[in-house]
């Protein structure tokens, strides 16, 4: 086969360039520490690296979300802890107000502290987070959740939404709670009304307290308190005796007797509902106890405000007794609700800790796999560079020898 001089030169130059490119590529790999410099070096590994980098970016976002969720829940938990401390103090004041030996001035002094605690609690319920959003407004972060109305009652202006953040591929974590759920949807122990009819009992001094649902389990148990209410009838022939009927009166559900001493109160407890009788019946009186559907729930602030108003007004001892009884039960319900939400927050914080650990483990494995795919084996690369250098030098030297061969050298 004939090989022209130009062909020999071209083959020599191409060989030198190819060997030089190989050595240069290896040198670049050594200087960068990466085995893959372009996708062409390893297409399959390049695609896998791209997927791993995308996963790493997602894990980084999850880490930021976990930090934000932890901060939000921690602030909420601290706020609710302060709320619980205030409610404990309000309950102590309510117990103190129930002392029958207190004067009106003493009760007004207690009411003054209740007013201060009410304002403090009102401020905590309208707490803002670091972004200036209201903590307990649901999705309405820019709307003040609790507002005082002109009559002294309180209303909730937010919604019942829970803001959430995605902290894992299939896990959205709630980072807030609705103020309606925590502070407004509190079971109202004073949701029943009592109406005394003494038209058939002239001379009767009987009076009845506001009914109190003191045991929610018994109230909703089996048998439950009748949905239509109950009627208590005093026997005309035996005034101290009474029977309890459902409405409409179909059957006697319970019976009892009052103490003949009109100086003491008598208590009727029926299926979780407590009623106080005062005075002396003469027989023929009837009392109907029914539920008011508009008062099934009552906010914590309204409970405190109503107790404060009762202590500030020149109320009788029996009225104060009833107001304190309702307030104490409602405060207990409110504290139970707050403690329940605090328990939920604690569970979410535990989820954050475990999820953060899982994400860190996945990120560590991700980086390890990326290192296996991308990073260079220096021992192999240095050996390869040494071999490529030898090949390059041999190509250069052989080119010099081949290029010096020509026919004219033989004619001299």
Protein backbone atom coordinates (compact mmCIF):
# COMPACT_ATOMS: atom_id res chain seq x y z
CA UNK A 1 0.00 0.00 0.00
CA UNK A 2 1.34 3.40 -0.93
CA UNK A 3 1.52 6.08 1.71
CA UNK A 4 2.10 9.57 0.51
CA UNK A 5 4.31 12.00 2.34
CA UNK A 6 1.38 14.27 3.16
CA UNK A 7 -0.57 11.30 4.48
CA UNK A 8 2.28 10.31 6.77
CA UNK A 9 2.54 13.86 8.05
CA UNK A 10 -1.20 14.08 8.63
CA UNK A 11 -1.36 10.74 10.44
CA UNK A 12 1.52 11.76 12.68
CA UNK A 13 -0.01 15.10 13.54
CA UNK A 14 -3.43 13.50 14.21
CA UNK A 15 -1.85 10.93 16.47
CA UNK A 16 0.02 13.58 18.45
CA UNK A 17 -3.09 15.71 18.79
CA UNK A 18 -5.17 12.72 19.91
CA UNK A 19 -2.66 11.66 22.54
CA UNK A 20 -2.22 15.26 23.66
CA UNK A 21 -6.02 15.65 24.03
CA UNK A 22 -6.20 12.45 26.09
CA UNK A 23 -3.42 13.62 28.40
CA UNK A 24 -4.98 17.08 28.68
CA UNK A 25 -8.40 15.56 29.54
CA UNK A 26 -6.84 13.46 32.27
CA UNK A 27 -4.97 16.50 33.59
CA UNK A 28 -8.27 18.45 33.73
CA UNK A 29 -9.91 15.61 35.62
CA UNK A 30 -7.08 15.61 38.14
CA UNK A 31 -7.17 19.39 38.59
CA UNK A 32 -10.99 19.48 39.10
CA UNK A 33 -11.28 16.23 41.01
CA UNK A 34 -14.22 15.20 38.81
CA UNK A 35 -14.38 12.14 36.59
CA UNK A 36 -17.20 13.60 34.47
CA UNK A 37 -16.41 16.94 32.86
CA UNK A 38 -19.11 16.84 30.17
CA UNK A 39 -22.20 14.63 29.72
CA UNK A 40 -20.36 12.89 26.91
CA UNK A 41 -17.89 11.44 29.40
CA UNK A 42 -20.64 9.21 30.91
CA UNK A 43 -24.20 9.91 29.69
CA UNK A 44 -25.89 7.49 32.09
CA UNK A 45 -24.03 8.83 35.14
CA UNK A 46 -24.65 12.41 34.00
CA UNK A 47 -28.43 11.85 33.95
CA UNK A 48 -28.27 10.20 37.36
CA UNK A 49 -26.22 13.11 38.74
CA UNK A 50 -28.78 15.58 37.44
CA UNK A 51 -31.55 13.66 39.21
CA UNK A 52 -29.55 13.56 42.43
CA UNK A 53 -28.84 17.29 42.28
CA UNK A 54 -32.55 18.01 41.82
CA UNK A 55 -33.32 15.79 44.80
CA UNK A 56 -30.67 17.60 46.82
CA UNK A 57 -32.26 20.96 45.98
CA UNK A 58 -35.66 19.63 47.10
CA UNK A 59 -34.13 18.37 50.36
CA UNK A 60 -32.60 21.80 50.93
CA UNK A 61 -36.04 23.38 50.51
CA UNK A 62 -37.51 20.82 52.91
CA UNK A 63 -34.83 21.75 55.42
CA UNK A 64 -35.79 25.43 55.15
CA UNK A 65 -39.47 24.50 55.52
CA UNK A 66 -38.71 22.42 58.61
CA UNK A 67 -36.89 25.36 60.16
CA UNK A 68 -39.82 27.68 59.41
CA UNK A 69 -42.32 25.14 60.76
CA UNK A 70 -40.29 24.64 63.93
CA UNK A 71 -40.10 28.40 64.52
CA UNK A 72 -43.83 28.89 63.95
CA UNK A 73 -44.90 25.99 66.17
CA UNK A 74 -42.45 26.97 68.89
CA UNK A 75 -43.87 30.49 68.97
CA UNK A 76 -47.42 29.12 69.09
CA UNK A 77 -46.51 26.73 71.91
CA UNK A 78 -44.89 29.54 73.92
CA UNK A 79 -47.95 31.73 73.39
CA UNK A 80 -50.34 28.98 74.48
CA UNK A 81 -48.19 28.34 77.53
CA UNK A 82 -48.66 32.00 78.50
CA UNK A 83 -52.40 31.66 77.82
CA UNK A 84 -52.57 28.66 80.11
CA UNK A 85 -50.76 30.56 82.86
CA UNK A 86 -53.30 33.39 82.62
CA UNK A 87 -56.23 30.95 82.67
CA UNK A 88 -54.83 29.33 85.79
CA UNK A 89 -54.77 32.71 87.49
CA UNK A 90 -58.28 33.57 86.26
CA UNK A 91 -59.53 30.29 87.69
CA UNK A 92 -57.94 31.10 91.04
CA UNK A 93 -59.72 34.46 91.00
CA UNK A 94 -63.02 32.77 90.12
CA UNK A 95 -62.67 30.38 93.06
CA UNK A 96 -61.86 33.33 95.29
CA UNK A 97 -64.91 35.23 94.01
CA UNK A 98 -67.14 32.32 94.99
CA UNK A 99 -66.50 32.99 98.67
CA UNK A 100 -69.87 34.03 100.07
CA UNK A 101 -68.21 36.14 102.78
CA UNK A 102 -66.83 38.66 100.29
CA UNK A 103 -68.30 42.14 100.10
CA UNK A 104 -69.16 43.97 96.89
CA UNK A 105 -65.93 45.94 97.22
CA UNK A 106 -63.96 42.69 97.44
CA UNK A 107 -65.67 41.33 94.36
CA UNK A 108 -65.02 44.55 92.44
CA UNK A 109 -61.35 44.27 93.37
CA UNK A 110 -61.29 40.77 91.93
CA UNK A 111 -63.13 42.06 88.86
CA UNK A 112 -60.42 44.68 88.35
CA UNK A 113 -57.72 42.00 88.15
CA UNK A 114 -59.95 39.91 85.91
CA UNK A 115 -60.18 42.91 83.58
CA UNK A 116 -56.39 43.17 83.45
CA UNK A 117 -56.05 39.45 82.76
CA UNK A 118 -58.73 39.73 80.10
CA UNK A 119 -56.74 42.45 78.31
CA UNK A 120 -53.56 40.39 78.57
CA UNK A 121 -55.30 37.35 77.14
CA UNK A 122 -56.84 39.46 74.37
CA UNK A 123 -53.35 40.58 73.36
CA UNK A 124 -51.97 37.03 73.33
CA UNK A 125 -54.82 35.81 71.14
CA UNK A 126 -53.88 38.51 68.62
CA UNK A 127 -50.19 37.60 68.59
CA UNK A 128 -48.26 38.15 65.35
CA UNK A 129 -45.40 36.07 63.99
CA UNK A 130 -42.08 37.32 62.61
CA UNK A 131 -43.67 38.09 59.22
CA UNK A 132 -46.30 40.29 60.85
CA UNK A 133 -49.11 37.78 60.31
CA UNK A 134 -51.60 36.99 63.07
CA UNK A 135 -50.79 33.63 64.59
CA UNK A 136 -54.37 32.48 65.23
CA UNK A 137 -56.23 33.95 62.23
CA UNK A 138 -56.20 30.80 60.09
CA UNK A 139 -55.60 31.68 56.44
CA UNK A 140 -56.48 35.33 57.11
CA UNK A 141 -53.00 36.21 58.37
CA UNK A 142 -53.44 39.96 57.83
CA UNK A 143 -56.81 40.13 59.63
CA UNK A 144 -56.93 40.65 63.39
CA UNK A 145 -58.63 37.47 64.62
CA UNK A 146 -60.28 38.70 67.82
CA UNK A 147 -62.24 41.93 68.05
CA UNK A 148 -64.09 43.45 71.00
CA UNK A 149 -67.64 44.44 70.13
CA UNK A 150 -69.48 47.48 71.46
CA UNK A 151 -71.40 45.42 74.04
CA UNK A 152 -68.18 44.03 75.51
CA UNK A 153 -68.43 40.62 73.83
CA UNK A 154 -65.79 39.24 71.50
CA UNK A 155 -66.02 37.97 67.95
CA UNK A 156 -63.66 35.97 65.77
CA UNK A 157 -62.80 37.52 62.39
CA UNK A 158 -60.46 34.86 61.00
CA UNK A 159 -61.27 31.51 59.45
CA UNK A 160 -60.77 27.89 60.45
CA UNK A 161 -57.87 27.18 58.08
CA UNK A 162 -54.50 25.74 59.01
CA UNK A 163 -51.42 26.95 57.19
CA UNK A 164 -49.23 24.04 56.11
CA UNK A 165 -45.73 23.49 54.76
CA UNK A 166 -44.42 20.52 52.82
CA UNK A 167 -41.56 19.02 54.82
CA UNK A 168 -41.18 15.73 52.95
CA UNK A 169 -42.17 14.26 49.62
CA UNK A 170 -45.57 13.13 50.92
CA UNK A 171 -45.94 15.06 54.18
CA UNK A 172 -47.62 18.44 54.66
CA UNK A 173 -47.32 19.67 58.25
CA UNK A 174 -49.72 22.16 59.85
CA UNK A 175 -47.76 25.09 61.27
CA UNK A 176 -50.66 27.04 62.77
CA UNK A 177 -54.03 26.56 64.44
CA UNK A 178 -57.24 28.49 64.10
CA UNK A 179 -58.13 30.75 67.00
CA UNK A 180 -61.73 29.61 66.62
CA UNK A 181 -60.70 26.04 67.32
CA UNK A 182 -58.57 26.95 70.34
CA UNK A 183 -60.38 29.84 71.99
CA UNK A 184 -63.93 30.01 70.58
CA UNK A 185 -65.19 26.46 70.11
CA UNK A 186 -65.22 25.78 73.84
CA UNK A 187 -68.13 23.78 75.20
CA UNK A 188 -70.44 26.06 77.16
CA UNK A 189 -71.57 24.59 80.47
CA UNK A 190 -74.27 27.26 80.73
CA UNK A 191 -76.08 26.41 77.50
CA UNK A 192 -79.28 25.34 79.28
CA UNK A 193 -82.16 27.57 80.44
CA UNK A 194 -84.46 27.02 83.40
CA UNK A 195 -87.97 28.50 83.52
CA UNK A 196 -89.83 28.32 86.84
CA UNK A 197 -93.65 28.28 86.75
CA UNK A 198 -95.14 28.89 90.22
CA UNK A 199 -98.54 30.07 89.03
CA UNK A 200 -100.14 26.99 90.61
CA UNK A 201 -98.22 27.42 93.86
CA UNK A 202 -99.21 30.70 95.56
CA UNK A 203 -96.89 31.62 98.41
CA UNK A 204 -93.97 29.65 97.03
CA UNK A 205 -90.47 31.04 97.68
CA UNK A 206 -88.79 28.43 95.50
CA UNK A 207 -86.06 29.67 93.15
CA UNK A 208 -83.83 27.75 90.77
CA UNK A 209 -80.27 28.43 89.62
CA UNK A 210 -79.07 28.50 86.05
CA UNK A 211 -78.60 24.85 84.96
CA UNK A 212 -74.98 23.75 84.71
CA UNK A 213 -73.73 20.92 82.49
CA UNK A 214 -71.02 19.75 84.86
CA UNK A 215 -70.41 16.31 83.34
CA UNK A 216 -70.28 16.22 79.54
CA UNK A 217 -69.81 12.44 79.46
CA UNK A 218 -72.97 11.80 81.47
CA UNK A 219 -74.84 14.50 79.53
CA UNK A 220 -74.15 12.78 76.20
CA UNK A 221 -74.01 9.24 77.59
CA UNK A 222 -76.55 6.46 77.55
CA UNK A 223 -79.14 7.36 78.61
CA UNK A 224 -78.40 10.92 77.52
CA UNK A 225 -80.05 14.13 78.64
CA UNK A 226 -83.25 14.45 76.56
CA UNK A 227 -82.87 16.64 73.48
CA UNK A 228 -86.23 18.24 74.18
CA UNK A 229 -85.30 18.99 77.79
CA UNK A 230 -86.79 17.97 81.12
CA UNK A 231 -89.56 19.19 83.42
CA UNK A 232 -89.31 19.06 87.21
CA UNK A 233 -92.67 18.96 89.01
CA UNK A 234 -93.20 19.38 92.76
CA UNK A 235 -95.92 17.20 94.27
CA UNK A 236 -98.93 19.27 95.47
CA UNK A 237 -99.59 16.77 98.27
CA UNK A 238 -95.93 16.43 99.31
CA UNK A 239 -94.24 19.78 98.52
CA UNK A 240 -90.73 18.51 99.29
CA UNK A 241 -91.01 15.77 96.69
CA UNK A 242 -90.34 16.32 92.99
CA UNK A 243 -90.33 14.17 89.87
CA UNK A 244 -88.31 14.61 86.72
CA UNK A 245 -90.02 14.07 83.37
CA UNK A 246 -88.87 14.41 79.83
CA UNK A 247 -90.60 16.93 77.56
CA UNK A 248 -93.31 16.16 76.59
CA UNK A 249 -93.96 14.48 79.91
CA UNK A 250 -94.26 10.79 79.15
CA UNK A 251 -92.60 8.99 82.01
CA UNK A 252 -90.90 9.74 85.31
CA UNK A 253 -87.12 9.71 84.77
CA UNK A 254 -86.07 10.41 88.36
CA UNK A 255 -87.42 11.53 91.72
CA UNK A 256 -86.03 13.34 94.75
CA UNK A 257 -86.79 15.36 97.85
CA UNK A 258 -85.75 18.80 99.01
CA UNK A 259 -84.50 19.52 102.50
CA UNK A 260 -87.16 21.15 104.62
CA UNK A 261 -84.64 23.75 105.83
CA UNK A 262 -84.98 26.82 103.60
CA UNK A 263 -81.62 28.14 104.79
CA UNK A 264 -79.72 25.65 102.68
CA UNK A 265 -79.66 24.94 98.97
CA UNK A 266 -80.60 21.60 97.50
CA UNK A 267 -78.91 20.24 94.44
CA UNK A 268 -80.38 18.10 91.71
CA UNK A 269 -77.88 16.27 89.48
CA UNK A 270 -79.52 14.54 86.55
CA UNK A 271 -77.55 13.02 83.69
CA UNK A 272 -74.67 15.44 84.01
CA UNK A 273 -76.80 18.54 84.65
CA UNK A 274 -76.69 20.27 88.02
CA UNK A 275 -79.47 22.56 89.31
CA UNK A 276 -79.63 24.37 92.67
CA UNK A 277 -82.98 24.81 94.48
CA UNK A 278 -83.39 27.61 97.02
CA UNK A 279 -86.36 28.64 99.10
CA UNK A 280 -89.38 26.56 100.17
CA UNK A 281 -91.80 24.96 97.68
CA UNK A 282 -95.47 24.70 98.50
CA UNK A 283 -96.23 22.11 95.84
CA UNK A 284 -97.43 22.53 92.28
CA UNK A 285 -94.31 24.34 91.01
CA UNK A 286 -92.81 23.18 87.72
CA UNK A 287 -89.44 23.92 86.16
CA UNK A 288 -88.59 23.37 82.52
CA UNK A 289 -84.93 22.97 81.57
CA UNK A 290 -84.18 23.22 77.86
CA UNK A 291 -81.10 23.77 75.70
CA UNK A 292 -80.40 26.99 73.83
CA UNK A 293 -78.90 25.99 70.45
CA UNK A 294 -77.25 29.41 70.09
CA UNK A 295 -75.15 28.93 73.22
CA UNK A 296 -73.58 25.54 72.59
CA UNK A 297 -70.11 27.11 72.42
CA UNK A 298 -68.63 30.11 74.18
CA UNK A 299 -65.26 31.79 73.80
CA UNK A 300 -62.82 31.99 76.69
CA UNK A 301 -62.77 35.79 76.57
CA UNK A 302 -66.57 35.93 76.77
CA UNK A 303 -66.50 33.63 79.81
CA UNK A 304 -64.09 35.93 81.61
CA UNK A 305 -65.99 39.05 80.54
CA UNK A 306 -69.29 37.66 81.84
CA UNK A 307 -67.77 36.70 85.17
CA UNK A 308 -66.18 40.13 85.47
CA UNK A 309 -69.51 41.82 84.70
CA UNK A 310 -71.26 39.73 87.38
CA UNK A 311 -68.69 40.75 89.98
CA UNK A 312 -68.84 44.40 88.99
CA UNK A 313 -72.66 44.60 89.23
CA UNK A 314 -74.55 44.65 92.55
CA UNK A 315 -75.56 41.01 92.13
CA UNK A 316 -76.99 38.82 94.86
CA UNK A 317 -75.00 36.02 96.41
CA UNK A 318 -76.98 33.41 94.48
CA UNK A 319 -76.33 35.18 91.17
CA UNK A 320 -72.62 35.34 91.91
CA UNK A 321 -72.69 31.66 92.87
CA UNK A 322 -74.26 30.71 89.55
CA UNK A 323 -71.89 32.94 87.54
CA UNK A 324 -68.84 31.49 89.29
CA UNK A 325 -70.05 27.91 88.77
CA UNK A 326 -70.51 28.43 85.03
CA UNK A 327 -67.22 30.31 84.71
CA UNK A 328 -65.21 27.63 86.53
CA UNK A 329 -66.60 24.84 84.37
CA UNK A 330 -66.08 26.82 81.16
CA UNK A 331 -62.55 27.75 82.20
CA UNK A 332 -61.80 24.07 82.77
CA UNK A 333 -63.16 23.30 79.30
CA UNK A 334 -61.06 26.11 77.84
CA UNK A 335 -57.88 24.94 79.52
CA UNK A 336 -58.55 21.39 78.32
CA UNK A 337 -58.90 22.68 74.76
CA UNK A 338 -55.69 24.69 75.02
CA UNK A 339 -53.84 21.71 76.50
CA UNK A 340 -55.17 19.50 73.71
CA UNK A 341 -53.80 21.86 71.06
CA UNK A 342 -50.49 22.08 72.92
CA UNK A 343 -50.35 18.29 72.76
CA UNK A 344 -50.93 18.42 69.01
CA UNK A 345 -48.14 20.99 68.67
CA UNK A 346 -45.80 18.74 70.64
CA UNK A 347 -46.62 15.86 68.29
CA UNK A 348 -45.88 18.06 65.26
CA UNK A 349 -42.57 19.17 66.77
CA UNK A 350 -41.67 15.49 67.20
CA UNK A 351 -42.56 14.92 63.55
CA UNK A 352 -40.25 17.81 62.62
CA UNK A 353 -37.37 16.25 64.56
CA UNK A 354 -37.83 12.80 63.02
CA UNK A 355 -38.39 14.19 59.51
CA UNK A 356 -35.32 16.38 59.79
CA UNK A 357 -33.25 13.35 60.78
CA UNK A 358 -34.67 11.32 57.88
CA UNK A 359 -34.00 14.12 55.39
CA UNK A 360 -30.43 14.50 56.65
CA UNK A 361 -29.87 10.76 56.21
CA UNK A 362 -31.25 10.89 52.67
CA UNK A 363 -29.08 13.93 51.88
CA UNK A 364 -26.01 12.09 53.18
CA UNK A 365 -26.75 9.08 50.98
CA UNK A 366 -27.42 11.44 48.07
CA UNK A 367 -24.02 13.10 48.45
CA UNK A 368 -22.33 9.72 48.78
CA UNK A 369 -23.88 8.48 45.54
CA UNK A 370 -22.94 11.73 43.78
CA UNK A 371 -19.38 11.33 44.99
CA UNK A 372 -19.22 7.77 43.64
CA UNK A 373 -20.52 8.92 40.26
CA UNK A 374 -18.63 12.19 39.90
CA UNK A 375 -15.43 12.11 41.91
CA UNK A 376 -12.16 10.94 40.41
CA UNK A 377 -10.05 7.96 41.43
CA UNK A 378 -6.75 9.81 41.74
CA UNK A 379 -4.56 6.71 41.77
CA UNK A 380 -6.08 5.44 38.54
CA UNK A 381 -6.01 8.93 36.95
CA UNK A 382 -2.33 9.52 37.82
CA UNK A 383 -1.37 6.11 36.43
CA UNK A 384 -3.35 6.83 33.30
CA UNK A 385 -1.72 10.26 32.92
CA UNK A 386 1.72 8.71 33.25
CA UNK A 387 0.91 6.16 30.57
CA UNK A 388 -0.63 8.81 28.29
CA UNK A 389 2.48 10.98 28.73
CA UNK A 390 4.69 8.10 27.66
CA UNK A 391 2.45 7.44 24.63
CA UNK A 392 2.52 11.14 23.74
CA UNK A 393 6.31 11.31 23.97
CA UNK A 394 6.62 8.15 21.86
CA UNK A 395 4.28 9.61 19.25
CA UNK A 396 6.30 12.82 19.16
CA UNK A 397 9.62 10.99 18.80
CA UNK A 398 8.27 8.59 16.18
CA UNK A 399 6.88 11.53 14.23
CA UNK A 400 10.30 13.13 14.18
CA UNK A 401 11.87 9.93 12.83
CA UNK A 402 9.16 9.29 10.25
CA UNK A 403 9.16 12.90 9.05
CA UNK A 404 12.91 12.74 8.36
CA UNK A 405 12.50 9.75 6.00
CA UNK A 406 12.38 10.74 2.30
CA UNK A 407 13.82 9.54 -1.02
CA UNK A 408 16.18 12.47 -1.42
CA UNK A 409 18.18 11.43 1.60
CA UNK A 410 19.03 8.19 -0.23
CA UNK A 411 20.24 10.01 -3.40
CA UNK A 412 22.95 12.01 -1.71
